[in-house]
């Protein structure tokens, strides 16, 4: 097995693991591995090309093979490839959901007054933002907002969306859905004087790298975008998970200058409160932009269910469960970091967030295969951009028992 390559591993793929479910907020992380250009796919004669033709294919073969190999380990597969929570939903949240389950009427797209107040209060505490002049809006998880934000903002062909060079794939997917052009860069000066930029994505702490962007860098991005009339959207879903560095929100006065103009922050309760299955997220920032999002979402029926809205209130108002979950991840991170470092890996960035960004100085697929032979499944760096081909991403979201099992297998 030691010499198996990806195309050889594919013959081991079994139907039980086919399409083995990189879904939800993490869904689509393999999209950059394309077997043919999406633009080559066309609809029937005289019919418009399907929307899916704008997107890369799901090439799960590349990870299915490794999953099959890992599952053949005598002690079973340990899945560190996804950031999906495995710990229970806190009782305070489940109770709120159940108490609100008798909900025969339509919920408010804007969120209940209680939810809007809870979001604003949490943003004030966690992001250092003032509640005056702050727009807030619940979303159906954070991925749907990331994917549809360019479309909701009226961005389209001829417009440019800027995403980080190593990034969560849905930023690019959202731009493609809108028909916009994607530019990958971490330096806005490389864009030159183009007036076409309409949206700039920043992500701190970063997925997959765990990198924390300093306030000065974020402030430069905001200033640059404001000068050009572009929107800055900051994916801050991992903001509460700072380890060796303290993340800062784009809504902080240090970054925003005390104004929310042209700025949106995207947040999720999936990781903080184990609510990935609830699809509970929100966006906060420029009240004019939030109002525009609300108008379109009303027409489109993008509504968070009423029981989930009640559960979100309970989650946002309770910090105890969030701190307990944070400590679980901290402990798991320490075990995994020591285990992988001891096995010859180098941990890069990873100062915050839910992942370790690792390298052995080789092609990422060699690393994926090496770990799969030990029953450990990880995400290939190639999923996240063309400059990440020598890295793998390891999630902290496994049980304590499985985390200990990883350490034992790498010892």
Protein backbone atom coordinates (compact mmCIF):
# COMPACT_ATOMS: atom_id res chain seq x y z
CA UNK A 1 0.00 0.00 0.00
CA UNK A 2 2.93 2.36 0.62
CA UNK A 3 3.39 3.14 -3.06
CA UNK A 4 -0.20 3.78 -4.06
CA UNK A 5 -0.95 6.90 -6.07
CA UNK A 6 -4.27 8.67 -6.46
CA UNK A 7 -5.31 6.96 -9.69
CA UNK A 8 -4.35 3.58 -8.19
CA UNK A 9 -6.27 4.33 -5.02
CA UNK A 10 -9.44 4.98 -6.99
CA UNK A 11 -9.86 1.29 -7.69
CA UNK A 12 -10.24 0.77 -3.94
CA UNK A 13 -13.16 3.16 -3.72
CA UNK A 14 -16.28 1.41 -2.46
CA UNK A 15 -19.89 2.44 -2.98
CA UNK A 16 -20.42 2.81 0.75
CA UNK A 17 -18.06 5.76 0.84
CA UNK A 18 -18.90 7.34 -2.49
CA UNK A 19 -20.03 10.92 -2.04
CA UNK A 20 -19.34 10.45 1.64
CA UNK A 21 -20.65 13.84 2.52
CA UNK A 22 -18.56 16.97 2.54
CA UNK A 23 -21.76 18.97 2.99
CA UNK A 24 -23.11 21.98 4.88
CA UNK A 25 -20.79 24.91 5.71
CA UNK A 26 -17.83 22.77 4.64
CA UNK A 27 -19.55 21.49 1.49
CA UNK A 28 -17.76 21.83 -1.81
CA UNK A 29 -14.22 22.04 -0.50
CA UNK A 30 -13.00 19.85 -3.37
CA UNK A 31 -14.30 22.04 -6.11
CA UNK A 32 -10.94 23.35 -7.24
CA UNK A 33 -9.98 19.84 -8.39
CA UNK A 34 -11.54 19.85 -11.84
CA UNK A 35 -11.57 17.15 -14.42
CA UNK A 36 -12.76 19.48 -17.13
CA UNK A 37 -13.49 23.17 -17.37
CA UNK A 38 -16.95 24.07 -16.16
CA UNK A 39 -17.28 26.41 -19.12
CA UNK A 40 -17.16 23.43 -21.47
CA UNK A 41 -20.49 22.14 -20.15
CA UNK A 42 -23.44 23.40 -22.16
CA UNK A 43 -27.17 22.97 -22.05
CA UNK A 44 -29.30 21.53 -24.88
CA UNK A 45 -29.39 23.35 -28.20
CA UNK A 46 -31.22 26.72 -28.04
CA UNK A 47 -31.47 26.56 -24.27
CA UNK A 48 -29.35 28.59 -21.86
CA UNK A 49 -26.49 26.82 -20.16
CA UNK A 50 -27.47 25.50 -16.73
CA UNK A 51 -26.36 27.53 -13.73
CA UNK A 52 -24.20 24.60 -12.63
CA UNK A 53 -22.08 25.13 -15.74
CA UNK A 54 -20.61 28.21 -14.03
CA UNK A 55 -19.23 26.05 -11.25
CA UNK A 56 -16.44 23.49 -11.10
CA UNK A 57 -17.47 19.88 -10.67
CA UNK A 58 -17.53 17.98 -7.42
CA UNK A 59 -14.54 15.70 -7.88
CA UNK A 60 -15.03 13.59 -4.78
CA UNK A 61 -13.06 10.76 -6.37
CA UNK A 62 -9.85 12.36 -5.13
CA UNK A 63 -10.89 12.17 -1.49
CA UNK A 64 -13.17 9.13 -1.72
CA UNK A 65 -10.17 6.95 -2.53
CA UNK A 66 -8.31 8.12 0.55
CA UNK A 67 -11.46 7.68 2.65
CA UNK A 68 -11.77 4.08 1.45
CA UNK A 69 -8.13 3.40 2.25
CA UNK A 70 -8.45 4.99 5.69
CA UNK A 71 -11.62 3.01 6.43
CA UNK A 72 -9.68 -0.20 5.79
CA UNK A 73 -7.47 0.50 8.80
CA UNK A 74 -7.94 -2.24 11.44
CA UNK A 75 -9.09 0.33 14.00
CA UNK A 76 -11.29 2.23 11.56
CA UNK A 77 -11.35 5.68 9.98
CA UNK A 78 -10.75 8.88 11.94
CA UNK A 79 -12.13 11.79 9.94
CA UNK A 80 -10.21 15.04 10.40
CA UNK A 81 -11.10 16.36 6.95
CA UNK A 82 -14.21 18.28 7.94
CA UNK A 83 -14.97 20.97 10.47
CA UNK A 84 -18.29 19.45 11.43
CA UNK A 85 -19.13 19.52 15.17
CA UNK A 86 -19.42 16.18 16.96
CA UNK A 87 -20.23 17.37 20.48
CA UNK A 88 -23.85 17.64 21.71
CA UNK A 89 -25.99 20.70 21.17
CA UNK A 90 -26.15 22.45 24.57
CA UNK A 91 -29.31 21.77 26.56
CA UNK A 92 -30.19 25.46 26.90
CA UNK A 93 -30.40 25.70 23.11
CA UNK A 94 -32.33 22.47 22.61
CA UNK A 95 -34.83 23.57 25.22
CA UNK A 96 -35.37 26.91 23.47
CA UNK A 97 -35.86 25.12 20.15
CA UNK A 98 -38.43 22.75 21.64
CA UNK A 99 -40.30 25.51 23.43
CA UNK A 100 -40.66 27.38 20.13
CA UNK A 101 -41.62 24.35 18.05
CA UNK A 102 -45.33 25.26 17.92
CA UNK A 103 -44.77 27.73 15.08
CA UNK A 104 -47.56 27.49 12.50
CA UNK A 105 -47.10 31.00 11.08
CA UNK A 106 -44.46 32.44 8.80
CA UNK A 107 -41.33 33.72 10.57
CA UNK A 108 -39.84 37.15 10.02
CA UNK A 109 -37.07 37.33 7.43
CA UNK A 110 -35.55 40.15 9.45
CA UNK A 111 -35.61 38.03 12.59
CA UNK A 112 -37.67 38.57 15.70
CA UNK A 113 -36.98 41.69 17.76
CA UNK A 114 -35.49 39.40 20.42
CA UNK A 115 -33.11 37.83 17.91
CA UNK A 116 -32.03 41.15 16.42
CA UNK A 117 -31.32 42.45 19.92
CA UNK A 118 -29.38 39.29 20.82
CA UNK A 119 -27.28 39.52 17.64
CA UNK A 120 -26.51 43.20 18.24
CA UNK A 121 -25.58 42.56 21.87
CA UNK A 122 -23.29 39.66 20.95
CA UNK A 123 -21.61 41.64 18.18
CA UNK A 124 -21.02 44.44 20.66
CA UNK A 125 -19.37 42.04 23.13
CA UNK A 126 -17.42 39.85 20.71
CA UNK A 127 -16.51 42.35 18.00
CA UNK A 128 -16.17 45.54 19.99
CA UNK A 129 -18.81 47.18 17.83
CA UNK A 130 -21.28 49.82 18.90
CA UNK A 131 -24.93 48.94 18.45
CA UNK A 132 -25.92 52.41 17.21
CA UNK A 133 -26.26 52.37 13.44
CA UNK A 134 -25.50 48.65 13.21
CA UNK A 135 -27.53 46.57 10.77
CA UNK A 136 -28.11 42.90 11.64
CA UNK A 137 -29.84 40.06 9.80
CA UNK A 138 -30.15 36.31 10.52
CA UNK A 139 -29.11 33.94 7.73
CA UNK A 140 -29.65 30.26 6.97
CA UNK A 141 -26.20 29.36 8.19
CA UNK A 142 -23.28 31.33 6.83
CA UNK A 143 -22.55 29.34 3.67
CA UNK A 144 -25.72 30.40 1.87
CA UNK A 145 -24.87 34.05 2.49
CA UNK A 146 -21.30 33.57 1.31
CA UNK A 147 -22.52 31.85 -1.86
CA UNK A 148 -25.27 34.33 -2.67
CA UNK A 149 -23.84 37.62 -1.41
CA UNK A 150 -22.50 38.77 -4.80
CA UNK A 151 -25.87 38.08 -6.41
CA UNK A 152 -27.78 39.76 -3.58
CA UNK A 153 -25.57 42.84 -3.95
CA UNK A 154 -26.26 43.07 -7.68
CA UNK A 155 -22.76 42.06 -8.71
CA UNK A 156 -22.52 40.48 -12.15
CA UNK A 157 -20.59 40.15 -15.41
CA UNK A 158 -17.84 42.74 -15.74
CA UNK A 159 -17.47 43.08 -11.97
CA UNK A 160 -14.55 41.75 -9.94
CA UNK A 161 -14.71 39.88 -6.64
CA UNK A 162 -11.44 39.62 -4.72
CA UNK A 163 -10.79 36.55 -2.56
CA UNK A 164 -7.74 35.46 -0.53
CA UNK A 165 -5.08 33.46 -2.37
CA UNK A 166 -5.75 30.47 -0.09
CA UNK A 167 -9.42 30.46 0.70
CA UNK A 168 -12.68 28.72 1.46
CA UNK A 169 -13.91 27.72 -2.04
CA UNK A 170 -17.42 29.17 -1.69
CA UNK A 171 -16.12 32.74 -2.03
CA UNK A 172 -15.17 31.92 -5.61
CA UNK A 173 -18.31 29.85 -6.17
CA UNK A 174 -20.49 32.81 -5.17
CA UNK A 175 -18.75 35.07 -7.65
CA UNK A 176 -19.18 32.46 -10.38
CA UNK A 177 -22.89 32.15 -9.61
CA UNK A 178 -23.19 35.89 -10.16
CA UNK A 179 -21.16 35.75 -13.37
CA UNK A 180 -18.43 37.95 -11.91
CA UNK A 181 -14.67 37.65 -12.34
CA UNK A 182 -12.61 36.27 -9.45
CA UNK A 183 -9.16 37.56 -8.53
CA UNK A 184 -7.14 35.70 -5.89
CA UNK A 185 -4.71 37.94 -4.04
CA UNK A 186 -3.59 38.93 -0.57
CA UNK A 187 -2.23 42.28 -1.76
CA UNK A 188 -4.73 44.78 -3.11
CA UNK A 189 -1.93 46.86 -4.61
CA UNK A 190 -1.46 44.07 -7.15
CA UNK A 191 -4.89 44.89 -8.59
CA UNK A 192 -3.76 48.24 -9.95
CA UNK A 193 -6.20 51.12 -10.60
CA UNK A 194 -9.09 48.94 -11.81
CA UNK A 195 -12.52 50.43 -10.99
CA UNK A 196 -14.23 47.07 -11.48
CA UNK A 197 -13.77 45.67 -7.95
CA UNK A 198 -17.18 45.46 -6.26
CA UNK A 199 -16.54 43.03 -3.39
CA UNK A 200 -13.48 42.11 -1.34
CA UNK A 201 -13.58 39.02 0.88
CA UNK A 202 -11.36 38.81 3.94
CA UNK A 203 -11.27 35.85 6.31
CA UNK A 204 -9.71 36.10 9.74
CA UNK A 205 -9.14 33.69 11.40
CA UNK A 206 -8.62 32.06 8.05
CA UNK A 207 -10.01 28.79 6.79
CA UNK A 208 -7.96 26.70 6.13
CA UNK A 209 -4.80 28.38 7.41
CA UNK A 210 -5.86 29.69 10.82
CA UNK A 211 -4.05 32.91 10.00
CA UNK A 212 -5.06 36.03 11.96
CA UNK A 213 -4.95 39.33 10.07
CA UNK A 214 -3.78 42.32 12.16
CA UNK A 215 -5.99 45.36 12.62
CA UNK A 216 -3.68 47.53 10.51
CA UNK A 217 -4.00 45.18 7.53
CA UNK A 218 -7.78 45.03 7.80
CA UNK A 219 -7.98 48.81 8.12
CA UNK A 220 -5.99 49.21 4.88
CA UNK A 221 -8.40 46.87 3.11
CA UNK A 222 -11.41 48.81 4.37
CA UNK A 223 -9.89 52.17 3.41
CA UNK A 224 -8.91 50.86 -0.04
CA UNK A 225 -12.41 49.52 -0.69
CA UNK A 226 -14.15 52.66 0.51
CA UNK A 227 -12.07 54.79 -1.83
CA UNK A 228 -13.37 52.68 -4.72
CA UNK A 229 -16.95 52.15 -3.60
CA UNK A 230 -16.44 48.42 -3.01
CA UNK A 231 -17.87 46.31 -0.20
CA UNK A 232 -15.66 44.48 2.29
CA UNK A 233 -17.19 41.21 3.49
CA UNK A 234 -15.36 39.68 6.43
CA UNK A 235 -15.93 35.98 7.16
CA UNK A 236 -15.48 35.85 10.93
CA UNK A 237 -17.01 32.47 11.70
CA UNK A 238 -13.95 31.45 13.74
CA UNK A 239 -13.53 34.75 15.58
CA UNK A 240 -14.14 33.26 19.07
CA UNK A 241 -11.38 30.68 18.58
CA UNK A 242 -8.15 32.60 19.07
CA UNK A 243 -5.25 30.51 20.44
CA UNK A 244 -1.84 32.14 20.10
CA UNK A 245 -3.26 35.34 18.60
CA UNK A 246 -6.38 37.38 19.27
CA UNK A 247 -8.55 37.86 16.17
CA UNK A 248 -10.12 41.25 15.56
CA UNK A 249 -13.40 41.94 13.80
CA UNK A 250 -13.78 44.23 10.82
CA UNK A 251 -16.51 45.90 12.91
CA UNK A 252 -14.02 46.96 15.56
CA UNK A 253 -13.41 50.73 15.67
CA UNK A 254 -9.70 49.96 15.09
CA UNK A 255 -10.64 48.66 11.66
CA UNK A 256 -13.88 50.39 10.74
CA UNK A 257 -12.93 53.81 12.11
CA UNK A 258 -16.25 53.91 13.92
CA UNK A 259 -18.28 53.71 10.69
CA UNK A 260 -19.92 50.63 9.22
CA UNK A 261 -20.12 52.09 5.72
CA UNK A 262 -19.30 49.46 3.11
CA UNK A 263 -18.52 46.77 5.69
CA UNK A 264 -20.24 43.45 6.45
CA UNK A 265 -19.21 40.80 8.97
CA UNK A 266 -20.45 37.21 8.53
CA UNK A 267 -20.85 34.99 11.60
CA UNK A 268 -22.04 31.50 12.38
CA UNK A 269 -23.17 29.53 15.42
CA UNK A 270 -22.12 26.22 13.84
CA UNK A 271 -18.76 26.06 15.61
CA UNK A 272 -19.33 28.24 18.67
CA UNK A 273 -22.52 26.44 19.72
CA UNK A 274 -22.44 23.14 17.74
CA UNK A 275 -25.35 24.30 15.60
CA UNK A 276 -24.20 23.25 12.14
CA UNK A 277 -27.37 21.17 11.83
CA UNK A 278 -29.56 24.15 12.73
CA UNK A 279 -28.20 26.37 9.91
CA UNK A 280 -27.92 29.40 12.16
CA UNK A 281 -25.86 32.39 11.10
CA UNK A 282 -26.07 36.15 10.75
CA UNK A 283 -24.56 39.17 9.07
CA UNK A 284 -23.88 42.53 10.70
CA UNK A 285 -22.57 45.88 9.51
CA UNK A 286 -23.58 48.64 7.11
CA UNK A 287 -27.31 49.23 7.77
CA UNK A 288 -27.93 50.29 4.16
CA UNK A 289 -26.36 47.10 2.82
CA UNK A 290 -28.21 44.98 5.37
CA UNK A 291 -31.48 46.67 4.39
CA UNK A 292 -30.82 45.84 0.75
CA UNK A 293 -30.08 42.21 1.62
CA UNK A 294 -33.32 42.07 3.58
CA UNK A 295 -35.37 43.42 0.68
CA UNK A 296 -34.08 40.79 -1.71
CA UNK A 297 -34.26 37.96 0.82
CA UNK A 298 -37.92 38.75 1.51
CA UNK A 299 -38.68 38.18 -2.15
CA UNK A 300 -36.53 35.05 -2.32
CA UNK A 301 -37.94 33.44 0.84
CA UNK A 302 -34.54 33.22 2.54
CA UNK A 303 -35.95 32.89 6.06
CA UNK A 304 -34.53 31.30 9.19
CA UNK A 305 -37.24 29.05 10.73
CA UNK A 306 -38.93 30.46 13.84
CA UNK A 307 -37.78 27.68 16.22
CA UNK A 308 -34.20 28.16 15.03
CA UNK A 309 -34.49 31.90 15.63
CA UNK A 310 -35.51 31.16 19.23
CA UNK A 311 -32.61 28.74 19.60
CA UNK A 312 -30.23 31.41 18.29
CA UNK A 313 -31.37 33.82 20.98
CA UNK A 314 -30.61 31.25 23.66
CA UNK A 315 -27.21 30.49 22.12
CA UNK A 316 -26.16 34.11 21.79
CA UNK A 317 -27.22 35.00 25.32
CA UNK A 318 -25.33 32.11 26.94
CA UNK A 319 -21.54 32.31 27.00
CA UNK A 320 -20.98 29.40 29.36
CA UNK A 321 -21.56 26.64 26.80
CA UNK A 322 -19.43 28.50 24.24
CA UNK A 323 -16.50 28.71 26.63
CA UNK A 324 -16.82 25.02 27.50
CA UNK A 325 -16.75 24.11 23.80
CA UNK A 326 -13.79 26.39 23.22
CA UNK A 327 -11.85 24.57 25.93
CA UNK A 328 -12.65 21.21 24.31
CA UNK A 329 -11.13 22.46 21.08
CA UNK A 330 -8.14 23.91 22.86
CA UNK A 331 -7.36 20.55 24.47
CA UNK A 332 -7.79 18.68 21.20
CA UNK A 333 -5.61 21.18 19.39
CA UNK A 334 -2.78 20.67 21.86
CA UNK A 335 -2.91 16.88 21.44
CA UNK A 336 -3.02 17.04 17.64
CA UNK A 337 -0.31 19.70 17.32
CA UNK A 338 2.06 17.64 19.45
CA UNK A 339 1.23 14.44 17.60
CA UNK A 340 1.72 15.85 14.11
CA UNK A 341 4.85 17.78 15.05
CA UNK A 342 6.29 14.62 16.57
CA UNK A 343 5.55 12.78 13.31
CA UNK A 344 7.62 15.26 11.30
CA UNK A 345 4.98 17.76 10.23
CA UNK A 346 5.40 21.52 10.37
CA UNK A 347 2.48 23.55 11.69
CA UNK A 348 2.12 26.84 9.81
CA UNK A 349 -0.09 29.75 10.92
CA UNK A 350 -2.92 28.00 12.85
CA UNK A 351 -2.85 30.69 15.52
CA UNK A 352 -6.65 30.66 15.62
CA UNK A 353 -9.64 28.80 14.23
CA UNK A 354 -10.72 25.20 14.06
CA UNK A 355 -7.88 23.67 12.06
CA UNK A 356 -4.17 22.94 11.89
CA UNK A 357 -2.46 23.88 8.63
CA UNK A 358 0.29 21.31 8.13
CA UNK A 359 3.03 20.43 5.67
CA UNK A 360 5.72 17.81 5.17
CA UNK A 361 7.24 19.69 2.24
CA UNK A 362 5.72 17.34 -0.31
CA UNK A 363 2.73 17.21 -2.64
CA UNK A 364 -0.41 17.35 -0.52
CA UNK A 365 -1.78 14.16 -2.07
CA UNK A 366 1.28 12.23 -0.91
CA UNK A 367 0.53 13.48 2.60
CA UNK A 368 -3.17 12.57 2.28
CA UNK A 369 -2.21 9.04 1.21
CA UNK A 370 0.40 8.66 3.97
CA UNK A 371 -2.17 9.56 6.60
CA UNK A 372 -4.91 7.46 5.00
CA UNK A 373 -2.73 4.39 5.36
CA UNK A 374 -2.84 5.11 9.08
CA UNK A 375 -6.62 5.43 9.06
CA UNK A 376 -6.58 9.25 9.25
CA UNK A 377 -8.45 11.32 6.69
CA UNK A 378 -7.49 14.98 6.13
CA UNK A 379 -8.31 17.67 3.56
CA UNK A 380 -5.85 18.30 0.75
CA UNK A 381 -4.50 21.82 0.55
CA UNK A 382 -5.21 21.84 -3.18
CA UNK A 383 -8.89 22.26 -2.31
CA UNK A 384 -8.18 25.82 -1.22
CA UNK A 385 -6.15 27.29 -4.02
CA UNK A 386 -3.27 26.72 -6.42
CA UNK A 387 -0.63 27.90 -3.95
CA UNK A 388 -1.60 25.38 -1.24
CA UNK A 389 -0.41 22.22 -2.96
CA UNK A 390 2.02 21.18 -0.21
CA UNK A 391 -0.33 21.48 2.75
CA UNK A 392 -3.15 19.58 4.39
CA UNK A 393 -5.87 20.85 6.70
CA UNK A 394 -6.64 18.98 9.91
CA UNK A 395 -9.84 19.68 11.82
CA UNK A 396 -10.12 19.71 15.60
CA UNK A 397 -13.69 18.41 15.38
CA UNK A 398 -13.43 14.82 16.47
CA UNK A 399 -14.22 13.12 19.76
CA UNK A 400 -11.61 13.03 22.50
CA UNK A 401 -11.32 9.28 21.92
CA UNK A 402 -10.55 9.71 18.24
CA UNK A 403 -8.13 12.57 18.89
CA UNK A 404 -6.22 10.30 21.25
CA UNK A 405 -6.37 7.63 18.56
CA UNK A 406 -4.68 9.95 16.07
CA UNK A 407 -1.86 10.57 18.51
CA UNK A 408 -1.42 6.83 19.04
CA UNK A 409 -1.31 6.10 15.31
CA UNK A 410 1.26 8.82 14.67
CA UNK A 411 3.50 7.88 17.59
